[in-house]
Protein backbone atom coordinates (compact mmCIF):
# COMPACT_ATOMS: atom_id res chain seq x y z
CA UNK A 1 -15.44 -65.08 -21.78
CA UNK A 2 -14.50 -64.87 -25.39
CA UNK A 3 -17.75 -62.29 -25.68
CA UNK A 4 -16.66 -60.78 -22.33
CA UNK A 5 -13.14 -60.28 -23.86
CA UNK A 6 -14.30 -59.00 -27.03
CA UNK A 7 -16.61 -56.59 -25.20
CA UNK A 8 -13.64 -55.07 -23.81
CA UNK A 9 -11.49 -55.07 -26.66
CA UNK A 10 -14.03 -52.98 -28.35
CA UNK A 11 -14.28 -50.28 -25.46
CA UNK A 12 -10.67 -50.37 -25.62
CA UNK A 13 -10.38 -49.69 -29.37
CA UNK A 14 -13.10 -46.96 -29.37
CA UNK A 15 -10.90 -45.23 -26.42
CA UNK A 16 -7.83 -45.40 -28.75
CA UNK A 17 -9.74 -44.85 -31.90
CA UNK A 18 -12.28 -42.14 -31.13
CA UNK A 19 -14.43 -42.77 -34.33
CA UNK A 20 -17.27 -40.52 -33.07
CA UNK A 21 -15.02 -37.57 -32.64
CA UNK A 22 -13.56 -38.35 -36.07
CA UNK A 23 -17.18 -38.54 -37.46
CA UNK A 24 -18.23 -35.12 -35.46
CA UNK A 25 -15.32 -33.48 -37.02
CA UNK A 26 -16.17 -34.43 -40.79
CA UNK A 27 -19.43 -33.17 -40.29
CA UNK A 28 -18.33 -29.88 -39.01
CA UNK A 29 -15.91 -29.40 -41.93
CA UNK A 30 -12.90 -30.11 -39.68
CA UNK A 31 -10.01 -31.88 -41.40
CA UNK A 32 -8.56 -34.01 -38.81
CA UNK A 33 -7.52 -37.89 -39.50
CA UNK A 34 -8.43 -40.69 -37.68
CA UNK A 35 -4.77 -41.66 -36.85
CA UNK A 36 -4.28 -38.05 -35.89
CA UNK A 37 -6.74 -38.88 -33.07
CA UNK A 38 -5.11 -41.99 -32.12
CA UNK A 39 -1.69 -40.37 -31.93
CA UNK A 40 -3.51 -37.62 -29.59
CA UNK A 41 -4.53 -40.33 -27.10
CA UNK A 42 -0.94 -41.57 -27.02
CA UNK A 43 0.59 -37.96 -26.49
CA UNK A 44 -1.64 -38.01 -23.62
CA UNK A 45 -3.80 -35.34 -24.91
CA UNK A 46 -7.77 -35.31 -24.90
CA UNK A 47 -8.98 -35.34 -28.23
CA UNK A 48 -12.46 -33.98 -27.24
CA UNK A 49 -11.12 -31.07 -26.17
CA UNK A 50 -9.13 -30.24 -29.11
CA UNK A 51 -11.68 -31.48 -31.73
CA UNK A 52 -14.57 -29.48 -30.10
CA UNK A 53 -12.04 -26.35 -29.89
CA UNK A 54 -11.31 -26.81 -33.44
CA UNK A 55 -15.06 -27.02 -34.46
CA UNK A 56 -15.51 -23.82 -32.48
CA UNK A 57 -12.59 -21.98 -33.99
CA UNK A 58 -13.46 -23.06 -37.41
CA UNK A 59 -17.11 -22.32 -37.20
CA UNK A 60 -16.15 -18.51 -35.78
CA UNK A 61 -14.04 -18.34 -39.34
CA UNK A 62 -10.48 -18.46 -37.07
CA UNK A 63 -7.35 -20.08 -39.00
CA UNK A 64 -6.12 -22.66 -36.39
CA UNK A 65 -4.40 -26.23 -36.73
CA UNK A 66 -4.67 -29.03 -34.33
CA UNK A 67 -0.88 -29.05 -34.16
CA UNK A 68 -1.18 -25.47 -32.55
CA UNK A 69 -3.91 -26.46 -30.09
CA UNK A 70 -2.25 -29.54 -29.05
CA UNK A 71 1.40 -27.65 -28.51
CA UNK A 72 -0.44 -25.00 -26.18
CA UNK A 73 -2.18 -27.82 -24.31
CA UNK A 74 1.03 -29.87 -23.89
CA UNK A 75 2.55 -26.64 -22.54
CA UNK A 76 0.00 -26.24 -19.80
CA UNK A 77 -2.44 -23.87 -21.12
CA UNK A 78 -6.13 -23.43 -21.34
CA UNK A 79 -7.13 -24.32 -24.87
CA UNK A 80 -10.86 -23.75 -24.53
CA UNK A 81 -10.52 -20.26 -23.09
CA UNK A 82 -7.87 -19.12 -25.44
CA UNK A 83 -10.86 -19.97 -28.46
CA UNK A 84 -13.29 -18.53 -26.44
CA UNK A 85 -10.87 -15.14 -25.89
CA UNK A 86 -9.96 -15.49 -29.52
CA UNK A 87 -13.70 -15.14 -30.89
CA UNK A 88 -14.42 -12.45 -28.26
CA UNK A 89 -11.67 -10.57 -29.52
CA UNK A 90 -12.55 -10.96 -33.22
CA UNK A 91 -16.10 -9.99 -33.04
CA UNK A 92 -15.23 -6.66 -30.97
CA UNK A 93 -12.64 -5.59 -33.31
CA UNK A 94 -9.83 -5.98 -30.93
CA UNK A 95 -6.53 -7.08 -32.56
CA UNK A 96 -5.63 -10.46 -30.67
CA UNK A 97 -3.49 -13.26 -32.32
CA UNK A 98 -3.35 -16.94 -31.47
CA UNK A 99 0.19 -16.19 -30.11
CA UNK A 100 -0.43 -13.22 -27.92
CA UNK A 101 -3.57 -15.00 -26.44
CA UNK A 102 -1.36 -18.38 -25.77
CA UNK A 103 1.20 -16.28 -24.11
CA UNK A 104 -1.16 -14.36 -22.11
CA UNK A 105 -2.72 -17.59 -20.95
CA UNK A 106 0.64 -19.06 -20.02
CA UNK A 107 1.52 -15.97 -18.26
CA UNK A 108 -1.14 -16.90 -15.45
CA UNK A 109 -3.92 -14.63 -16.86
CA UNK A 110 -7.21 -15.02 -17.69
CA UNK A 111 -7.32 -14.06 -21.43
CA UNK A 112 -11.22 -14.39 -21.70
CA UNK A 113 -11.61 -12.35 -18.88
CA UNK A 114 -9.12 -9.94 -20.32
CA UNK A 115 -10.78 -9.58 -23.18
CA UNK A 116 -14.46 -9.19 -21.75
CA UNK A 117 -12.80 -6.19 -19.83
CA UNK A 118 -11.26 -4.65 -23.14
CA UNK A 119 -14.74 -4.58 -24.20
CA UNK A 120 -16.93 -3.87 -20.85
CA UNK A 121 -14.58 -1.54 -18.63
CA UNK A 122 -13.89 -2.62 -15.03
CA UNK A 123 -14.70 -0.24 -12.17
CA UNK A 124 -12.15 -0.60 -9.21
CA UNK A 125 -12.98 0.69 -6.14
CA UNK A 126 -9.86 2.38 -3.71
CA UNK A 127 -9.77 1.45 -0.13
CA UNK A 128 -10.15 4.46 2.33
CA UNK A 129 -7.04 6.67 1.60
CA UNK A 130 -6.58 9.08 4.46
CA UNK A 131 -4.43 12.28 3.89
CA UNK A 132 -3.66 15.92 5.52
CA UNK A 133 -4.08 18.89 3.99
CA UNK A 134 -1.91 21.94 4.46
CA UNK A 135 -3.87 23.01 7.24
CA UNK A 136 -3.56 20.15 9.43
CA UNK A 137 -7.25 18.68 8.78
CA UNK A 138 -7.44 14.90 7.57
CA UNK A 139 -9.31 13.73 4.95
CA UNK A 140 -10.37 10.38 4.05
CA UNK A 141 -11.38 9.60 0.22
CA UNK A 142 -12.37 6.73 -1.44
CA UNK A 143 -12.23 6.76 -5.51
CA UNK A 144 -13.34 4.63 -8.34
CA UNK A 145 -11.20 3.85 -11.11
CA UNK A 146 -12.43 2.72 -14.40
CA UNK A 147 -9.85 0.53 -16.31
CA UNK A 148 -9.85 -1.08 -19.60
CA UNK A 149 -7.38 -4.27 -20.18
CA UNK A 150 -4.43 -3.23 -22.48
CA UNK A 151 -4.08 -6.42 -24.70
CA UNK A 152 -0.36 -5.47 -25.48
CA UNK A 153 0.62 -5.15 -21.89
CA UNK A 154 -0.87 -8.02 -20.33
CA UNK A 155 2.30 -9.99 -20.62
CA UNK A 156 4.60 -8.29 -18.25
CA UNK A 157 2.36 -5.43 -17.23
CA UNK A 158 1.64 -4.74 -13.41
CA UNK A 159 -1.88 -5.45 -12.42
CA UNK A 160 -4.82 -3.93 -10.20
CA UNK A 161 -2.76 -3.71 -7.09
CA UNK A 162 -0.08 -1.35 -8.55
CA UNK A 163 -3.14 0.76 -10.04
CA UNK A 164 -4.64 0.95 -6.75
CA UNK A 165 -1.34 2.08 -5.12
CA UNK A 166 -0.66 4.44 -7.64
CA UNK A 167 -3.94 6.16 -7.50
CA UNK A 168 -3.76 6.06 -3.52
CA UNK A 169 -0.43 7.91 -3.69
CA UNK A 170 -1.94 10.55 -6.26
CA UNK A 171 -4.61 11.06 -3.64
CA UNK A 172 -2.12 11.77 -1.01
CA UNK A 173 -0.32 13.54 -2.74
CA UNK A 174 -3.25 16.16 -4.34
CA UNK A 175 -4.72 16.37 -0.70
CA UNK A 176 -1.42 17.14 0.93
CA UNK A 177 -0.61 20.04 -1.79
CA UNK A 178 -4.07 21.85 -0.87
CA UNK A 179 -3.75 24.63 1.08
CA UNK A 180 -6.77 23.88 3.31
CA UNK A 181 -9.14 20.90 3.69
CA UNK A 182 -12.23 23.29 2.49
CA UNK A 183 -10.63 23.55 -1.02
CA UNK A 184 -10.77 19.47 -1.42
CA UNK A 185 -14.33 19.60 -0.13
CA UNK A 186 -15.66 22.27 -2.53
CA UNK A 187 -14.07 20.85 -5.73
CA UNK A 188 -13.06 17.08 -5.23
CA UNK A 189 -12.85 17.03 -8.57
CA UNK A 190 -9.44 18.42 -8.87
CA UNK A 191 -7.85 15.32 -7.15
CA UNK A 192 -9.22 13.30 -9.79
CA UNK A 193 -7.83 15.74 -12.38
CA UNK A 194 -4.45 15.63 -11.17
CA UNK A 195 -4.15 12.15 -10.27
CA UNK A 196 -5.50 11.16 -14.09
CA UNK A 197 -2.80 13.41 -15.57
CA UNK A 198 0.15 11.82 -14.10
CA UNK A 199 -0.43 8.86 -16.09
CA UNK A 200 -0.44 6.10 -13.66
CA UNK A 201 -1.18 3.47 -16.12
CA UNK A 202 2.06 3.48 -17.37
CA UNK A 203 3.77 -0.14 -17.44
CA UNK A 204 0.47 -1.74 -16.26
CA UNK A 205 -1.94 -3.89 -17.92
CA UNK A 206 -4.51 -1.64 -17.87
CA UNK A 207 -5.42 1.77 -19.40
CA UNK A 208 -7.13 4.05 -16.84
CA UNK A 209 -10.59 5.74 -18.31
CA UNK A 210 -11.64 8.00 -15.62
CA UNK A 211 -10.91 8.54 -11.85
CA UNK A 212 -13.95 9.38 -9.73
CA UNK A 213 -14.08 10.46 -6.01
CA UNK A 214 -16.76 8.69 -4.64
CA UNK A 215 -16.27 9.92 -0.80
CA UNK A 216 -14.61 12.27 1.30
CA UNK A 217 -14.88 12.39 4.89
CA UNK A 218 -13.23 14.92 7.23
CA UNK A 219 -10.84 13.05 9.83
CA UNK A 220 -9.11 14.29 12.82
CA UNK A 221 -7.12 17.58 13.51
CA UNK A 222 -3.67 15.85 12.93
CA UNK A 223 -2.14 19.56 13.11
CA UNK A 224 -3.59 20.18 16.56
CA UNK A 225 -2.15 16.79 17.77
CA UNK A 226 1.20 17.37 16.47
CA UNK A 227 1.20 20.76 18.07
CA UNK A 228 -0.32 19.20 21.39
CA UNK A 229 2.24 16.47 21.16
CA UNK A 230 5.01 19.13 20.35
CA UNK A 231 4.26 21.01 23.54
CA UNK A 232 3.92 18.13 25.99
CA UNK A 233 7.29 16.94 24.70
CA UNK A 234 8.76 20.61 25.32
CA UNK A 235 7.41 20.58 28.55
CA UNK A 236 8.87 17.43 29.57
CA UNK A 237 12.18 18.69 28.59
CA UNK A 238 11.67 22.02 30.72
CA UNK A 239 10.87 19.94 33.63
CA UNK A 240 14.04 17.66 33.12
CA UNK A 241 16.34 20.63 32.69
CA UNK A 242 14.52 22.34 35.64
CA UNK A 243 15.12 18.95 37.85
CA UNK A 244 18.87 19.14 36.98
CA UNK A 245 19.46 22.39 37.78
CA UNK A 246 17.60 22.06 41.35
CA UNK A 247 19.55 18.61 41.86
CA UNK A 248 22.90 20.83 41.01
CA UNK A 249 21.88 23.42 43.43
CA UNK A 250 21.18 21.15 46.27
CA UNK A 251 24.42 19.83 45.74
CA UNK A 252 26.19 23.33 46.03
CA UNK A 253 24.20 24.07 49.04
CA UNK A 254 25.21 20.61 50.69
CA UNK A 255 28.96 21.40 49.29
CA UNK A 256 28.89 25.00 50.57
CA UNK A 257 27.78 23.40 54.10
CA UNK A 258 30.52 20.93 54.11
CA UNK A 259 33.22 23.88 53.31
CA UNK A 260 31.52 25.66 56.48
CA UNK A 261 31.80 22.67 58.65
CA UNK A 262 35.52 22.37 57.46
CA UNK A 263 36.07 25.94 58.18
CA UNK A 264 34.60 25.72 61.88
CA UNK A 265 36.62 22.75 62.44
CA UNK A 266 40.12 25.00 61.44
CA UNK A 267 38.85 27.78 63.76
CA UNK A 268 38.34 25.30 66.49
CA UNK A 269 41.63 23.67 65.63
CA UNK A 270 43.42 26.91 65.68
CA UNK A 271 41.53 27.82 68.96
CA UNK A 272 43.22 24.87 70.58
CA UNK A 273 46.85 26.01 69.70
CA UNK A 274 46.20 28.63 72.00
CA UNK A 275 46.32 27.08 75.35
CA UNK A 276 49.35 24.85 73.94
CA UNK A 277 51.30 28.27 72.99
CA UNK A 278 50.38 29.76 76.66
CA UNK A 279 51.85 26.70 78.02
CA UNK A 280 54.78 26.99 75.90
CA UNK A 281 55.32 30.57 76.78
CA UNK A 282 55.44 29.74 80.59
CA UNK A 283 57.88 26.69 80.28
CA UNK A 284 60.38 28.68 78.17
CA UNK A 285 59.74 31.51 80.33
CA UNK A 286 58.75 34.09 77.81
CA UNK A 287 55.20 34.78 80.03
CA UNK A 288 55.17 35.01 83.63
CA UNK A 289 52.45 34.70 86.00
CA UNK A 290 51.91 38.59 86.47
CA UNK A 291 52.00 38.90 82.68
CA UNK A 292 49.48 36.35 82.21
CA UNK A 293 46.81 38.33 85.28
CA UNK A 294 47.45 41.36 83.43
CA UNK A 295 46.31 40.03 80.25
CA UNK A 296 43.47 38.59 81.59
CA UNK A 297 42.38 41.87 83.17
CA UNK A 298 42.83 43.59 79.82
CA UNK A 299 40.53 40.91 78.22
CA UNK A 300 37.89 41.43 80.74
CA UNK A 301 38.12 44.78 80.63
CA UNK A 302 37.64 44.94 76.93
CA UNK A 303 34.74 42.48 77.13
CA UNK A 304 32.94 44.97 79.79
CA UNK A 305 33.57 47.92 77.44
CA UNK A 306 32.03 45.87 74.67
CA UNK A 307 29.35 45.09 76.60
CA UNK A 308 28.55 48.39 77.65
CA UNK A 309 28.52 49.79 73.98
CA UNK A 310 26.30 46.83 72.49
CA UNK A 311 28.96 45.31 70.26
CA UNK A 312 30.01 42.57 72.42
CA UNK A 313 29.76 39.09 71.34
CA UNK A 314 27.00 38.63 73.76
CA UNK A 315 25.04 41.16 72.13
CA UNK A 316 23.93 42.46 75.27
CA UNK A 317 22.24 46.06 75.72
CA UNK A 318 24.53 48.85 77.72
CA UNK A 319 22.04 48.03 80.66
CA UNK A 320 22.82 44.76 80.37
CA UNK A 321 25.24 42.94 83.49
CA UNK A 322 28.68 43.92 83.47
CA UNK A 323 31.63 41.44 83.91
CA UNK A 324 34.18 41.80 86.74
CA UNK A 325 37.83 42.65 86.19
């Protein structure tokens, strides 16, 4: 039990007092105290990460301290990635301080990848961008944007999505300003020159080196479709107005028929008053029986003359039958 307990205590001692790391650092030319490594373990900072990063940076000629590396680790940073980025930037003669590198790393960007893109520019392919020229023909363009990371703009600068959106907007504007789609097909480099001259990389984490139009395809005739849709809409409006006029005419016709029926009813009503007037004249003594017969004979003669002349109500010819008086 004593031996077993001693072995356990020995391993615990080696865990809190990493003698092997201290020896490695000593022979690598990195001055780090043994108690400093113990304090790193107490602060929950992995001594191996700090010591190996210090050795790498020292061999590369960087002047860093263990306190700076510990601070960045405790802040949630990726210490080895920052060291690799600083070494790559130093070898490529890119101005990058430890403070900038840690700020970029803590901002959530891959600082080592950013340095690589700054040394070796990256090509971004835009999705298909559809635009319509002035003659109504749709063109579908694909562009390749060559960008280089801007170290000074990595913190707070816009990313690739902003670059793609601005380039797409510039392509749409350039194609839309062309009088004919044939101009774009003949000289697609005009699009790249116009887009590149707008300074689309302002406020972004990249510097646009070139914009190359990779492909331009002819799409649909949007102008013709719009004209067809407009003509269809105009036709429907005209049909609606014609139907409205027809309905008004039908309503007016029905109204006239009703008025005619009303007029005929009034005539019939007035004719019905004649027998009443005659009866009233008989009662009051204003009309006698002989007068009534004379009036009947005059009326019969009148109808006979009208029948002979062809102007009677019956519309008969002069040779037609005559009524007796």
